[in-house]
Amino acid sequence: EGRQAFWDAVLWSKSLQSVPYSVIVSPDGQQIMTSTSSRVYL
């Protein structure tokens, strides 16, 4: 009992208000940066 069927590949997901122009992971891996033409989200 308790075994998973698959690995947990997706830790979390976000629905953004517009198409992201870029996705960048910080050097220490603690942040993810996404951007549009007018905003940057951390």
Full PDB file with SEQRES, HELIX, SHEET, SSBOND, CRYST1, ORIGX, SCALE, CONECT and MASTER records, all heavy atoms in Angstrom:
SEQRES   1 A   42  GLU GLY ARG GLN ALA PHE TRP ASP ALA VAL LEU TRP SER          
SEQRES   2 A   42  LYS SER LEU GLN SER VAL PRO TYR SER VAL ILE VAL SER          
SEQRES   3 A   42  PRO ASP GLY GLN GLN ILE MET THR SER THR SER SER ARG          
SEQRES   4 A   42  VAL TYR LEU                                                  
SHEET    1 AA1 3 SER A  22  VAL A  25  0                                        
SHEET    2 AA1 3 ILE A  32  SER A  35 -1                                        
SHEET    3 AA1 3 VAL A  40  TYR A  41 -1                                        
CRYST1    1.000    1.000    1.000  90.00  90.00  90.00 P 1           1          
ORIGX1      1.000000  0.000000  0.000000        0.00000                         
ORIGX2      0.000000  1.000000  0.000000        0.00000                         
ORIGX3      0.000000  0.000000  1.000000        0.00000                         
SCALE1      1.000000  0.000000  0.000000        0.00000                         
SCALE2      0.000000  1.000000  0.000000        0.00000                         
SCALE3      0.000000  0.000000  1.000000        0.00000                         
ATOM      1  N   GLU A   1       0.829  -1.193   0.000  1.00  0.00           N  
ATOM      2  CA  GLU A   1       0.000   0.000   0.000  1.00  0.00           C  
ATOM      3  C   GLU A   1       0.874   1.259   0.000  1.00  0.00           C  
ATOM      4  O   GLU A   1       1.980   1.250   0.551  1.00  0.00           O  
ATOM      5  CB  GLU A   1      -0.907   0.042   1.237  1.00  0.00           C  
ATOM      6  CG  GLU A   1      -1.960  -1.047   1.285  1.00  0.00           C  
ATOM      7  CD  GLU A   1      -2.864  -0.912   2.494  1.00  0.00           C  
ATOM      8  OE1 GLU A   1      -2.773   0.126   3.181  1.00  0.00           O  
ATOM      9  OE2 GLU A   1      -3.649  -1.841   2.764  1.00  0.00           O  
ATOM     10  N   GLY A   2       0.352   2.314  -0.619  1.00  0.00           N  
ATOM     11  CA  GLY A   2       1.018   3.616  -0.546  1.00  0.00           C  
ATOM     12  C   GLY A   2       1.984   3.930  -1.668  1.00  0.00           C  
ATOM     13  O   GLY A   2       2.493   5.053  -1.745  1.00  0.00           O  
ATOM     14  N   ARG A   3       2.246   2.957  -2.557  1.00  0.00           N  
ATOM     15  CA  ARG A   3       3.177   3.233  -3.649  1.00  0.00           C  
ATOM     16  C   ARG A   3       2.513   4.086  -4.722  1.00  0.00           C  
ATOM     17  O   ARG A   3       1.330   3.939  -5.017  1.00  0.00           O  
ATOM     18  CB  ARG A   3       3.680   1.932  -4.283  1.00  0.00           C  
ATOM     19  CG  ARG A   3       4.732   1.223  -3.459  1.00  0.00           C  
ATOM     20  CD  ARG A   3       5.152  -0.064  -4.137  1.00  0.00           C  
ATOM     21  NE  ARG A   3       5.814   0.187  -5.406  1.00  0.00           N  
ATOM     22  CZ  ARG A   3       6.073  -0.770  -6.294  1.00  0.00           C  
ATOM     23  NH1 ARG A   3       5.697  -2.014  -6.057  1.00  0.00           N  
ATOM     24  NH2 ARG A   3       6.687  -0.472  -7.426  1.00  0.00           N  
ATOM     25  N   GLN A   4       3.275   4.979  -5.308  1.00  0.00           N  
ATOM     26  CA  GLN A   4       2.772   5.801  -6.394  1.00  0.00           C  
ATOM     27  C   GLN A   4       2.803   5.016  -7.699  1.00  0.00           C  
ATOM     28  O   GLN A   4       3.565   4.060  -7.851  1.00  0.00           O  
ATOM     29  CB  GLN A   4       3.630   7.060  -6.557  1.00  0.00           C  
ATOM     30  CG  GLN A   4       3.610   7.999  -5.370  1.00  0.00           C  
ATOM     31  CD  GLN A   4       4.601   9.121  -5.563  1.00  0.00           C  
ATOM     32  OE1 GLN A   4       5.755   9.011  -5.158  1.00  0.00           O  
ATOM     33  NE2 GLN A   4       4.157  10.207  -6.194  1.00  0.00           N  
ATOM     34  N   ALA A   5       2.001   5.462  -8.665  1.00  0.00           N  
ATOM     35  CA  ALA A   5       2.034   4.836  -9.983  1.00  0.00           C  
ATOM     36  C   ALA A   5       3.132   5.455 -10.833  1.00  0.00           C  
ATOM     37  O   ALA A   5       3.829   4.764 -11.583  1.00  0.00           O  
ATOM     38  CB  ALA A   5       0.686   4.997 -10.679  1.00  0.00           C  
ATOM     39  N   PHE A   6       3.341   6.785 -10.694  1.00  0.00           N  
ATOM     40  CA  PHE A   6       4.365   7.494 -11.464  1.00  0.00           C  
ATOM     41  C   PHE A   6       5.110   8.456 -10.536  1.00  0.00           C  
ATOM     42  O   PHE A   6       4.643   8.781  -9.445  1.00  0.00           O  
ATOM     43  CB  PHE A   6       3.731   8.299 -12.612  1.00  0.00           C  
ATOM     44  CG  PHE A   6       3.007   7.468 -13.633  1.00  0.00           C  
ATOM     45  CD1 PHE A   6       1.635   7.312 -13.565  1.00  0.00           C  
ATOM     46  CD2 PHE A   6       3.710   6.837 -14.648  1.00  0.00           C  
ATOM     47  CE1 PHE A   6       0.959   6.548 -14.512  1.00  0.00           C  
ATOM     48  CE2 PHE A   6       3.046   6.070 -15.597  1.00  0.00           C  
ATOM     49  CZ  PHE A   6       1.673   5.922 -15.529  1.00  0.00           C  
ATOM     50  N   TRP A   7       6.257   8.912 -10.992  1.00  0.00           N  
ATOM     51  CA  TRP A   7       6.983   9.948 -10.269  1.00  0.00           C  
ATOM     52  C   TRP A   7       6.176  11.243 -10.320  1.00  0.00           C  
ATOM     53  O   TRP A   7       5.471  11.511 -11.289  1.00  0.00           O  
ATOM     54  CB  TRP A   7       8.356  10.206 -10.905  1.00  0.00           C  
ATOM     55  CG  TRP A   7       9.316   9.063 -10.837  1.00  0.00           C  
ATOM     56  CD1 TRP A   7       9.717   8.271 -11.857  1.00  0.00           C  
ATOM     57  CD2 TRP A   7      10.002   8.585  -9.679  1.00  0.00           C  
ATOM     58  NE1 TRP A   7      10.610   7.323 -11.418  1.00  0.00           N  
ATOM     59  CE2 TRP A   7      10.808   7.494 -10.086  1.00  0.00           C  
ATOM     60  CE3 TRP A   7      10.009   8.965  -8.334  1.00  0.00           C  
ATOM     61  CZ2 TRP A   7      11.604   6.785  -9.203  1.00  0.00           C  
ATOM     62  CZ3 TRP A   7      10.813   8.258  -7.448  1.00  0.00           C  
ATOM     63  CH2 TRP A   7      11.603   7.180  -7.883  1.00  0.00           C  
ATOM     64  N   ASP A   8       6.302  12.062  -9.279  1.00  0.00           N  
ATOM     65  CA  ASP A   8       5.653  13.370  -9.283  1.00  0.00           C  
ATOM     66  C   ASP A   8       6.486  14.329 -10.134  1.00  0.00           C  
ATOM     67  O   ASP A   8       7.390  14.997  -9.641  1.00  0.00           O  
ATOM     68  CB  ASP A   8       5.526  13.935  -7.855  1.00  0.00           C  
ATOM     69  CG  ASP A   8       4.456  13.193  -7.067  1.00  0.00           C  
ATOM     70  OD1 ASP A   8       3.530  12.677  -7.703  1.00  0.00           O  
ATOM     71  OD2 ASP A   8       4.568  13.139  -5.830  1.00  0.00           O  
ATOM     72  N   ALA A   9       6.190  14.386 -11.412  1.00  0.00           N  
ATOM     73  CA  ALA A   9       6.980  15.215 -12.322  1.00  0.00           C  
ATOM     74  C   ALA A   9       6.637  16.696 -12.191  1.00  0.00           C  
ATOM     75  O   ALA A   9       7.488  17.565 -12.315  1.00  0.00           O  
ATOM     76  CB  ALA A   9       6.757  14.767 -13.764  1.00  0.00           C  
ATOM     77  N   VAL A  10       5.373  16.998 -11.926  1.00  0.00           N  
ATOM     78  CA  VAL A  10       4.938  18.387 -11.824  1.00  0.00           C  
ATOM     79  C   VAL A  10       4.787  18.769 -10.356  1.00  0.00           C  
ATOM     80  O   VAL A  10       3.958  18.220  -9.642  1.00  0.00           O  
ATOM     81  CB  VAL A  10       3.593  18.603 -12.554  1.00  0.00           C  
ATOM     82  CG1 VAL A  10       3.150  20.053 -12.408  1.00  0.00           C  
ATOM     83  CG2 VAL A  10       3.717  18.213 -14.020  1.00  0.00           C  
ATOM     84  N   LEU A  11       5.609  19.719  -9.899  1.00  0.00           N  
ATOM     85  CA  LEU A  11       5.534  20.176  -8.513  1.00  0.00           C  
ATOM     86  C   LEU A  11       4.421  21.209  -8.344  1.00  0.00           C  
ATOM     87  O   LEU A  11       3.726  21.222  -7.340  1.00  0.00           O  
ATOM     88  CB  LEU A  11       6.874  20.776  -8.098  1.00  0.00           C  
ATOM     89  CG  LEU A  11       8.079  19.821  -8.114  1.00  0.00           C  
ATOM     90  CD1 LEU A  11       9.336  20.566  -7.679  1.00  0.00           C  
ATOM     91  CD2 LEU A  11       7.822  18.637  -7.193  1.00  0.00           C  
ATOM     92  N   TRP A  12       4.277  22.091  -9.336  1.00  0.00           N  
ATOM     93  CA  TRP A  12       3.216  23.087  -9.329  1.00  0.00           C  
ATOM     94  C   TRP A  12       3.088  23.685 -10.724  1.00  0.00           C  
ATOM     95  O   TRP A  12       3.969  23.532 -11.558  1.00  0.00           O  
ATOM     96  CB  TRP A  12       3.467  24.190  -8.300  1.00  0.00           C  
ATOM     97  CG  TRP A  12       4.798  24.879  -8.390  1.00  0.00           C  
ATOM     98  CD1 TRP A  12       5.927  24.557  -7.702  1.00  0.00           C  
ATOM     99  CD2 TRP A  12       5.138  26.018  -9.202  1.00  0.00           C  
ATOM    100  NE1 TRP A  12       6.953  25.403  -8.028  1.00  0.00           N  
ATOM    101  CE2 TRP A  12       6.499  26.314  -8.937  1.00  0.00           C  
ATOM    102  CE3 TRP A  12       4.441  26.813 -10.102  1.00  0.00           C  
ATOM    103  CZ2 TRP A  12       7.157  27.370  -9.571  1.00  0.00           C  
ATOM    104  CZ3 TRP A  12       5.099  27.862 -10.730  1.00  0.00           C  
ATOM    105  CH2 TRP A  12       6.435  28.134 -10.454  1.00  0.00           C  
ATOM    106  N   SER A  13       1.974  24.343 -10.966  1.00  0.00           N  
ATOM    107  CA  SER A  13       1.769  24.985 -12.259  1.00  0.00           C  
ATOM    108  C   SER A  13       1.012  26.285 -12.046  1.00  0.00           C  
ATOM    109  O   SER A  13       0.326  26.464 -11.031  1.00  0.00           O  
ATOM    110  CB  SER A  13       0.996  24.069 -13.214  1.00  0.00           C  
ATOM    111  OG  SER A  13      -0.298  23.795 -12.699  1.00  0.00           O  
ATOM    112  N   LYS A  14       1.150  27.199 -13.004  1.00  0.00           N  
ATOM    113  CA  LYS A  14       0.495  28.500 -12.912  1.00  0.00           C  
ATOM    114  C   LYS A  14      -0.208  28.820 -14.229  1.00  0.00           C  
ATOM    115  O   LYS A  14       0.300  28.513 -15.304  1.00  0.00           O  
ATOM    116  CB  LYS A  14       1.526  29.598 -12.624  1.00  0.00           C  
ATOM    117  CG  LYS A  14       2.121  29.563 -11.235  1.00  0.00           C  
ATOM    118  CD  LYS A  14       1.118  29.994 -10.183  1.00  0.00           C  
ATOM    119  CE  LYS A  14       1.719  29.945  -8.794  1.00  0.00           C  
ATOM    120  NZ  LYS A  14       0.747  30.333  -7.763  1.00  0.00           N  
ATOM    121  N   SER A  15      -1.362  29.440 -14.126  1.00  0.00           N  
ATOM    122  CA  SER A  15      -2.070  29.946 -15.297  1.00  0.00           C  
ATOM    123  C   SER A  15      -1.808  31.450 -15.359  1.00  0.00           C  
ATOM    124  O   SER A  15      -2.262  32.202 -14.482  1.00  0.00           O  
ATOM    125  CB  SER A  15      -3.577  29.668 -15.191  1.00  0.00           C  
ATOM    126  OG  SER A  15      -3.824  28.280 -15.201  1.00  0.00           O  
ATOM    127  N   LEU A  16      -1.069  31.881 -16.367  1.00  0.00           N  
ATOM    128  CA  LEU A  16      -0.705  33.285 -16.493  1.00  0.00           C  
ATOM    129  C   LEU A  16      -1.742  34.034 -17.318  1.00  0.00           C  
ATOM    130  O   LEU A  16      -2.473  33.454 -18.120  1.00  0.00           O  
ATOM    131  CB  LEU A  16       0.669  33.404 -17.154  1.00  0.00           C  
ATOM    132  CG  LEU A  16       1.798  32.627 -16.469  1.00  0.00           C  
ATOM    133  CD1 LEU A  16       3.099  32.793 -17.234  1.00  0.00           C  
ATOM    134  CD2 LEU A  16       1.980  33.099 -15.026  1.00  0.00           C  
ATOM    135  N   GLN A  17      -1.797  35.344 -17.127  1.00  0.00           N  
ATOM    136  CA  GLN A  17      -2.778  36.168 -17.830  1.00  0.00           C  
ATOM    137  C   GLN A  17      -2.397  36.420 -19.281  1.00  0.00           C  
ATOM    138  O   GLN A  17      -3.246  36.795 -20.090  1.00  0.00           O  
ATOM    139  CB  GLN A  17      -2.962  37.499 -17.093  1.00  0.00           C  
ATOM    140  CG  GLN A  17      -3.548  37.342 -15.698  1.00  0.00           C  
ATOM    141  CD  GLN A  17      -3.738  38.673 -14.996  1.00  0.00           C  
ATOM    142  OE1 GLN A  17      -3.253  39.700 -15.455  1.00  0.00           O  
ATOM    143  NE2 GLN A  17      -4.444  38.653 -13.881  1.00  0.00           N  
ATOM    144  N   SER A  18      -1.132  36.236 -19.608  1.00  0.00           N  
ATOM    145  CA  SER A  18      -0.681  36.413 -20.984  1.00  0.00           C  
ATOM    146  C   SER A  18       0.463  35.447 -21.270  1.00  0.00           C  
ATOM    147  O   SER A  18       1.039  34.851 -20.358  1.00  0.00           O  
ATOM    148  CB  SER A  18      -0.225  37.860 -21.227  1.00  0.00           C  
ATOM    149  OG  SER A  18       0.822  38.207 -20.331  1.00  0.00           O  
ATOM    150  N   VAL A  19       0.807  35.304 -22.538  1.00  0.00           N  
ATOM    151  CA  VAL A  19       1.851  34.365 -22.948  1.00  0.00           C  
ATOM    152  C   VAL A  19       3.210  34.822 -22.414  1.00  0.00           C  
ATOM    153  O   VAL A  19       3.601  35.975 -22.626  1.00  0.00           O  
ATOM    154  CB  VAL A  19       1.914  34.258 -24.482  1.00  0.00           C  
ATOM    155  CG1 VAL A  19       3.048  33.335 -24.908  1.00  0.00           C  
ATOM    156  CG2 VAL A  19       0.584  33.749 -25.031  1.00  0.00           C  
ATOM    157  N   PRO A  20       3.951  33.960 -21.718  1.00  0.00           N  
ATOM    158  CA  PRO A  20       5.272  34.354 -21.217  1.00  0.00           C  
ATOM    159  C   PRO A  20       6.295  34.454 -22.342  1.00  0.00           C  
ATOM    160  O   PRO A  20       6.351  33.595 -23.210  1.00  0.00           O  
ATOM    161  CB  PRO A  20       5.627  33.226 -20.233  1.00  0.00           C  
ATOM    162  CG  PRO A  20       4.872  32.042 -20.750  1.00  0.00           C  
ATOM    163  CD  PRO A  20       3.594  32.590 -21.304  1.00  0.00           C  
ATOM    164  N   TYR A  21       7.079  35.529 -22.335  1.00  0.00           N  
ATOM    165  CA  TYR A  21       8.134  35.708 -23.321  1.00  0.00           C  
ATOM    166  C   TYR A  21       9.373  34.899 -22.966  1.00  0.00           C  
ATOM    167  O   TYR A  21      10.130  34.490 -23.836  1.00  0.00           O  
ATOM    168  CB  TYR A  21       8.513  37.188 -23.435  1.00  0.00           C  
ATOM    169  CG  TYR A  21       7.548  38.036 -24.221  1.00  0.00           C  
ATOM    170  CD1 TYR A  21       6.276  37.559 -24.564  1.00  0.00           C  
ATOM    171  CD2 TYR A  21       7.880  39.318 -24.626  1.00  0.00           C  
ATOM    172  CE1 TYR A  21       5.381  38.335 -25.276  1.00  0.00           C  
ATOM    173  CE2 TYR A  21       6.987  40.107 -25.347  1.00  0.00           C  
ATOM    174  CZ  TYR A  21       5.737  39.608 -25.674  1.00  0.00           C  
ATOM    175  OH  TYR A  21       4.864  40.376 -26.385  1.00  0.00           O  
ATOM    176  N   SER A  22       9.566  34.693 -21.667  1.00  0.00           N  
ATOM    177  CA  SER A  22      10.742  33.955 -21.218  1.00  0.00           C  
ATOM    178  C   SER A  22      10.496  33.328 -19.856  1.00  0.00           C  
ATOM    179  O   SER A  22       9.641  33.784 -19.101  1.00  0.00           O  
ATOM    180  CB  SER A  22      11.976  34.873 -21.141  1.00  0.00           C  
ATOM    181  OG  SER A  22      11.753  35.924 -20.212  1.00  0.00           O  
ATOM    182  N   VAL A  23      11.246  32.275 -19.557  1.00  0.00           N  
ATOM    183  CA  VAL A  23      11.217  31.613 -18.252  1.00  0.00           C  
ATOM    184  C   VAL A  23      12.670  31.369 -17.854  1.00  0.00           C  
ATOM    185  O   VAL A  23      13.417  30.703 -18.575  1.00  0.00           O  
ATOM    186  CB  VAL A  23      10.461  30.272 -18.304  1.00  0.00           C  
ATOM    187  CG1 VAL A  23      10.507  29.589 -16.940  1.00  0.00           C  
ATOM    188  CG2 VAL A  23       9.021  30.469 -18.746  1.00  0.00           C  
ATOM    189  N   ILE A  24      13.075  31.923 -16.719  1.00  0.00           N  
ATOM    190  CA  ILE A  24      14.468  31.836 -16.285  1.00  0.00           C  
ATOM    191  C   ILE A  24      14.528  31.365 -14.837  1.00  0.00           C  
ATOM    192  O   ILE A  24      13.814  31.892 -13.985  1.00  0.00           O  
ATOM    193  CB  ILE A  24      15.177  33.203 -16.402  1.00  0.00           C  
ATOM    194  CG1 ILE A  24      15.080  33.728 -17.843  1.00  0.00           C  
ATOM    195  CG2 ILE A  24      16.640  33.085 -15.978  1.00  0.00           C  
ATOM    196  CD1 ILE A  24      15.624  35.134 -18.006  1.00  0.00           C  
ATOM    197  N   VAL A  25      15.380  30.396 -14.565  1.00  0.00           N  
ATOM    198  CA  VAL A  25      15.593  29.897 -13.202  1.00  0.00           C  
ATOM    199  C   VAL A  25      16.797  30.621 -12.599  1.00  0.00           C  
ATOM    200  O   VAL A  25      17.814  30.800 -13.272  1.00  0.00           O  
ATOM    201  CB  VAL A  25      15.837  28.377 -13.204  1.00  0.00           C  
ATOM    202  CG1 VAL A  25      16.070  27.873 -11.781  1.00  0.00           C  
ATOM    203  CG2 VAL A  25      14.657  27.645 -13.843  1.00  0.00           C  
ATOM    204  N   SER A  26      16.681  31.054 -11.362  1.00  0.00           N  
ATOM    205  CA  SER A  26      17.774  31.763 -10.699  1.00  0.00           C  
ATOM    206  C   SER A  26      18.974  30.846 -10.517  1.00  0.00           C  
ATOM    207  O   SER A  26      18.829  29.620 -10.489  1.00  0.00           O  
ATOM    208  CB  SER A  26      17.314  32.293  -9.332  1.00  0.00           C  
ATOM    209  OG  SER A  26      16.981  31.219  -8.464  1.00  0.00           O  
ATOM    210  N   PRO A  27      20.184  31.406 -10.390  1.00  0.00           N  
ATOM    211  CA  PRO A  27      21.386  30.586 -10.242  1.00  0.00           C  
ATOM    212  C   PRO A  27      21.343  29.594  -9.083  1.00  0.00           C  
ATOM    213  O   PRO A  27      21.899  28.502  -9.178  1.00  0.00           O  
ATOM    214  CB  PRO A  27      22.493  31.635 -10.019  1.00  0.00           C  
ATOM    215  CG  PRO A  27      22.006  32.833 -10.760  1.00  0.00           C  
ATOM    216  CD  PRO A  27      20.520  32.842 -10.509  1.00  0.00           C  
ATOM    217  N   ASP A  28      20.672  29.962  -7.976  1.00  0.00           N  
ATOM    218  CA  ASP A  28      20.589  29.048  -6.835  1.00  0.00           C  
ATOM    219  C   ASP A  28      19.379  28.122  -6.912  1.00  0.00           C  
ATOM    220  O   ASP A  28      19.171  27.297  -6.022  1.00  0.00           O  
ATOM    221  CB  ASP A  28      20.579  29.816  -5.514  1.00  0.00           C  
ATOM    222  CG  ASP A  28      19.360  30.726  -5.371  1.00  0.00           C  
ATOM    223  OD1 ASP A  28      18.483  30.721  -6.273  1.00  0.00           O  
ATOM    224  OD2 ASP A  28      19.279  31.443  -4.367  1.00  0.00           O  
ATOM    225  N   GLY A  29      18.572  28.274  -7.951  1.00  0.00           N  
ATOM    226  CA  GLY A  29      17.424  27.401  -8.136  1.00  0.00           C  
ATOM    227  C   GLY A  29      16.233  27.713  -7.250  1.00  0.00           C  
ATOM    228  O   GLY A  29      15.242  26.995  -7.271  1.00  0.00           O  
ATOM    229  N   GLN A  30      16.281  28.815  -6.494  1.00  0.00           N  
ATOM    230  CA  GLN A  30      15.217  29.131  -5.543  1.00  0.00           C  
ATOM    231  C   GLN A  30      14.082  29.940  -6.155  1.00  0.00           C  
ATOM    232  O   GLN A  30      12.997  30.008  -5.600  1.00  0.00           O  
ATOM    233  CB  GLN A  30      15.793  29.895  -4.350  1.00  0.00           C  
ATOM    234  CG  GLN A  30      16.820  29.112  -3.541  1.00  0.00           C  
ATOM    235  CD  GLN A  30      16.234  27.834  -2.978  1.00  0.00           C  
ATOM    236  OE1 GLN A  30      15.220  27.844  -2.288  1.00  0.00           O  
ATOM    237  NE2 GLN A  30      16.870  26.705  -3.261  1.00  0.00           N  
ATOM    238  N   GLN A  31      14.343  30.574  -7.295  1.00  0.00           N  
ATOM    239  CA  GLN A  31      13.335  31.412  -7.930  1.00  0.00           C  
ATOM    240  C   GLN A  31      13.149  31.026  -9.394  1.00  0.00           C  
ATOM    241  O   GLN A  31      14.061  30.481 -10.030  1.00  0.00           O  
ATOM    242  CB  GLN A  31      13.725  32.891  -7.884  1.00  0.00           C  
ATOM    243  CG  GLN A  31      13.624  33.553  -6.531  1.00  0.00           C  
ATOM    244  CD  GLN A  31      13.883  35.051  -6.632  1.00  0.00           C  
ATOM    245  OE1 GLN A  31      14.193  35.589  -7.687  1.00  0.00           O  
ATOM    246  NE2 GLN A  31      13.753  35.729  -5.502  1.00  0.00           N  
ATOM    247  N   ILE A  32      11.965  31.347  -9.905  1.00  0.00           N  
ATOM    248  CA  ILE A  32      11.691  31.236 -11.331  1.00  0.00           C  
ATOM    249  C   ILE A  32      11.139  32.574 -11.783  1.00  0.00           C  
ATOM    250  O   ILE A  32      10.256  33.149 -11.130  1.00  0.00           O  
ATOM    251  CB  ILE A  32      10.692  30.112 -11.645  1.00  0.00           C  
ATOM    252  CG1 ILE A  32      11.320  28.753 -11.324  1.00  0.00           C  
ATOM    253  CG2 ILE A  32      10.261  30.156 -13.109  1.00  0.00           C  
ATOM    254  CD1 ILE A  32      10.398  27.582 -11.542  1.00  0.00           C  
ATOM    255  N   MET A  33      11.692  33.086 -12.864  1.00  0.00           N  
ATOM    256  CA  MET A  33      11.288  34.396 -13.371  1.00  0.00           C  
ATOM    257  C   MET A  33      10.594  34.225 -14.726  1.00  0.00           C  
ATOM    258  O   MET A  33      11.135  33.585 -15.626  1.00  0.00           O  
ATOM    259  CB  MET A  33      12.530  35.281 -13.499  1.00  0.00           C  
ATOM    260  CG  MET A  33      12.281  36.662 -14.039  1.00  0.00           C  
ATOM    261  SD  MET A  33      13.718  37.765 -13.757  1.00  0.00           S  
ATOM    262  CE  MET A  33      15.049  36.858 -14.586  1.00  0.00           C  
ATOM    263  N   THR A  34       9.380  34.751 -14.848  1.00  0.00           N  
ATOM    264  CA  THR A  34       8.672  34.740 -16.122  1.00  0.00           C  
ATOM    265  C   THR A  34       8.398  36.180 -16.524  1.00  0.00           C  
ATOM    266  O   THR A  34       8.299  37.068 -15.677  1.00  0.00           O  
ATOM    267  CB  THR A  34       7.339  33.971 -16.036  1.00  0.00           C  
ATOM    268  OG1 THR A  34       6.472  34.619 -15.090  1.00  0.00           O  
ATOM    269  CG2 THR A  34       7.564  32.530 -15.598  1.00  0.00           C  
ATOM    270  N   SER A  35       8.272  36.419 -17.828  1.00  0.00           N  
ATOM    271  CA  SER A  35       8.090  37.791 -18.272  1.00  0.00           C  
ATOM    272  C   SER A  35       7.080  37.903 -19.395  1.00  0.00           C  
ATOM    273  O   SER A  35       6.857  36.964 -20.166  1.00  0.00           O  
ATOM    274  CB  SER A  35       9.430  38.363 -18.752  1.00  0.00           C  
ATOM    275  OG  SER A  35       9.834  37.732 -19.958  1.00  0.00           O  
ATOM    276  N   THR A  36       6.457  39.088 -19.470  1.00  0.00           N  
ATOM    277  CA  THR A  36       5.620  39.481 -20.590  1.00  0.00           C  
ATOM    278  C   THR A  36       6.263  40.739 -21.170  1.00  0.00           C  
ATOM    279  O   THR A  36       7.370  41.104 -20.779  1.00  0.00           O  
ATOM    280  CB  THR A  36       4.177  39.767 -20.131  1.00  0.00           C  
ATOM    281  OG1 THR A  36       4.178  40.929 -19.284  1.00  0.00           O  
ATOM    282  CG2 THR A  36       3.615  38.590 -19.350  1.00  0.00           C  
ATOM    283  N   SER A  37       5.575  41.424 -22.057  1.00  0.00           N  
ATOM    284  CA  SER A  37       6.144  42.629 -22.651  1.00  0.00           C  
ATOM    285  C   SER A  37       6.186  43.798 -21.671  1.00  0.00           C  
ATOM    286  O   SER A  37       6.879  44.790 -21.913  1.00  0.00           O  
ATOM    287  CB  SER A  37       5.347  43.042 -23.889  1.00  0.00           C  
ATOM    288  OG  SER A  37       3.998  43.325 -23.533  1.00  0.00           O  
ATOM    289  N   SER A  38       5.466  43.690 -20.558  1.00  0.00           N  
ATOM    290  CA  SER A  38       5.403  44.817 -19.631  1.00  0.00           C  
ATOM    291  C   SER A  38       5.603  44.448 -18.159  1.00  0.00           C  
ATOM    292  O   SER A  38       5.665  45.337 -17.309  1.00  0.00           O  
ATOM    293  CB  SER A  38       4.053  45.538 -19.760  1.00  0.00           C  
ATOM    294  OG  SER A  38       2.986  44.643 -19.469  1.00  0.00           O  
ATOM    295  N   ARG A  39       5.716  43.160 -17.868  1.00  0.00           N  
ATOM    296  CA  ARG A  39       5.874  42.758 -16.467  1.00  0.00           C  
ATOM    297  C   ARG A  39       6.800  41.557 -16.328  1.00  0.00           C  
ATOM    298  O   ARG A  39       6.892  40.720 -17.222  1.00  0.00           O  
ATOM    299  CB  ARG A  39       4.523  42.413 -15.842  1.00  0.00           C  
ATOM    300  CG  ARG A  39       3.736  43.609 -15.361  1.00  0.00           C  
ATOM    301  CD  ARG A  39       2.514  43.186 -14.569  1.00  0.00           C  
ATOM    302  NE  ARG A  39       1.925  44.305 -13.840  1.00  0.00           N  
ATOM    303  CZ  ARG A  39       0.909  44.209 -13.013  1.00  0.00           C  
ATOM    304  NH1 ARG A  39       0.322  43.033 -12.807  1.00  0.00           N  
ATOM    305  NH2 ARG A  39       0.438  45.261 -12.379  1.00  0.00           N  
ATOM    306  N   VAL A  40       7.439  41.511 -15.156  1.00  0.00           N  
ATOM    307  CA  VAL A  40       8.275  40.362 -14.795  1.00  0.00           C  
ATOM    308  C   VAL A  40       7.725  39.801 -13.496  1.00  0.00           C  
ATOM    309  O   VAL A  40       7.524  40.542 -12.522  1.00  0.00           O  
ATOM    310  CB  VAL A  40       9.752  40.771 -14.596  1.00  0.00           C  
ATOM    311  CG1 VAL A  40      10.576  39.569 -14.145  1.00  0.00           C  
ATOM    312  CG2 VAL A  40      10.317  41.348 -15.885  1.00  0.00           C  
ATOM    313  N   TYR A  41       7.466  38.500 -13.473  1.00  0.00           N  
ATOM    314  CA  TYR A  41       6.922  37.844 -12.279  1.00  0.00           C  
ATOM    315  C   TYR A  41       7.990  36.948 -11.666  1.00  0.00           C  
ATOM    316  O   TYR A  41       8.677  36.206 -12.383  1.00  0.00           O  
ATOM    317  CB  TYR A  41       5.702  36.988 -12.631  1.00  0.00           C  
ATOM    318  CG  TYR A  41       4.534  37.770 -13.183  1.00  0.00           C  
ATOM    319  CD1 TYR A  41       4.444  38.064 -14.537  1.00  0.00           C  
ATOM    320  CD2 TYR A  41       3.503  38.191 -12.337  1.00  0.00           C  
ATOM    321  CE1 TYR A  41       3.367  38.773 -15.044  1.00  0.00           C  
ATOM    322  CE2 TYR A  41       2.425  38.902 -12.840  1.00  0.00           C  
ATOM    323  CZ  TYR A  41       2.359  39.191 -14.203  1.00  0.00           C  
ATOM    324  OH  TYR A  41       1.291  39.897 -14.709  1.00  0.00           O  
ATOM    325  N   LEU A  42       8.120  37.006 -10.354  1.00  0.00           N  
ATOM    326  CA  LEU A  42       9.059  36.152  -9.633  1.00  0.00           C  
ATOM    327  C   LEU A  42       8.272  35.155  -8.796  1.00  0.00           C  
ATOM    328  O   LEU A  42       7.343  35.527  -8.077  1.00  0.00           O  
ATOM    329  CB  LEU A  42       9.969  36.989  -8.733  1.00  0.00           C  
ATOM    330  CG  LEU A  42      10.858  38.023  -9.426  1.00  0.00           C  
ATOM    331  CD1 LEU A  42      11.676  38.785  -8.410  1.00  0.00           C  
ATOM    332  CD2 LEU A  42      11.758  37.362 -10.443  1.00  0.00           C  
TER     333      LEU A  42                                                      
MASTER        0    0    0    0    3    0    0    6  332    1    0    4          
END                                                                             
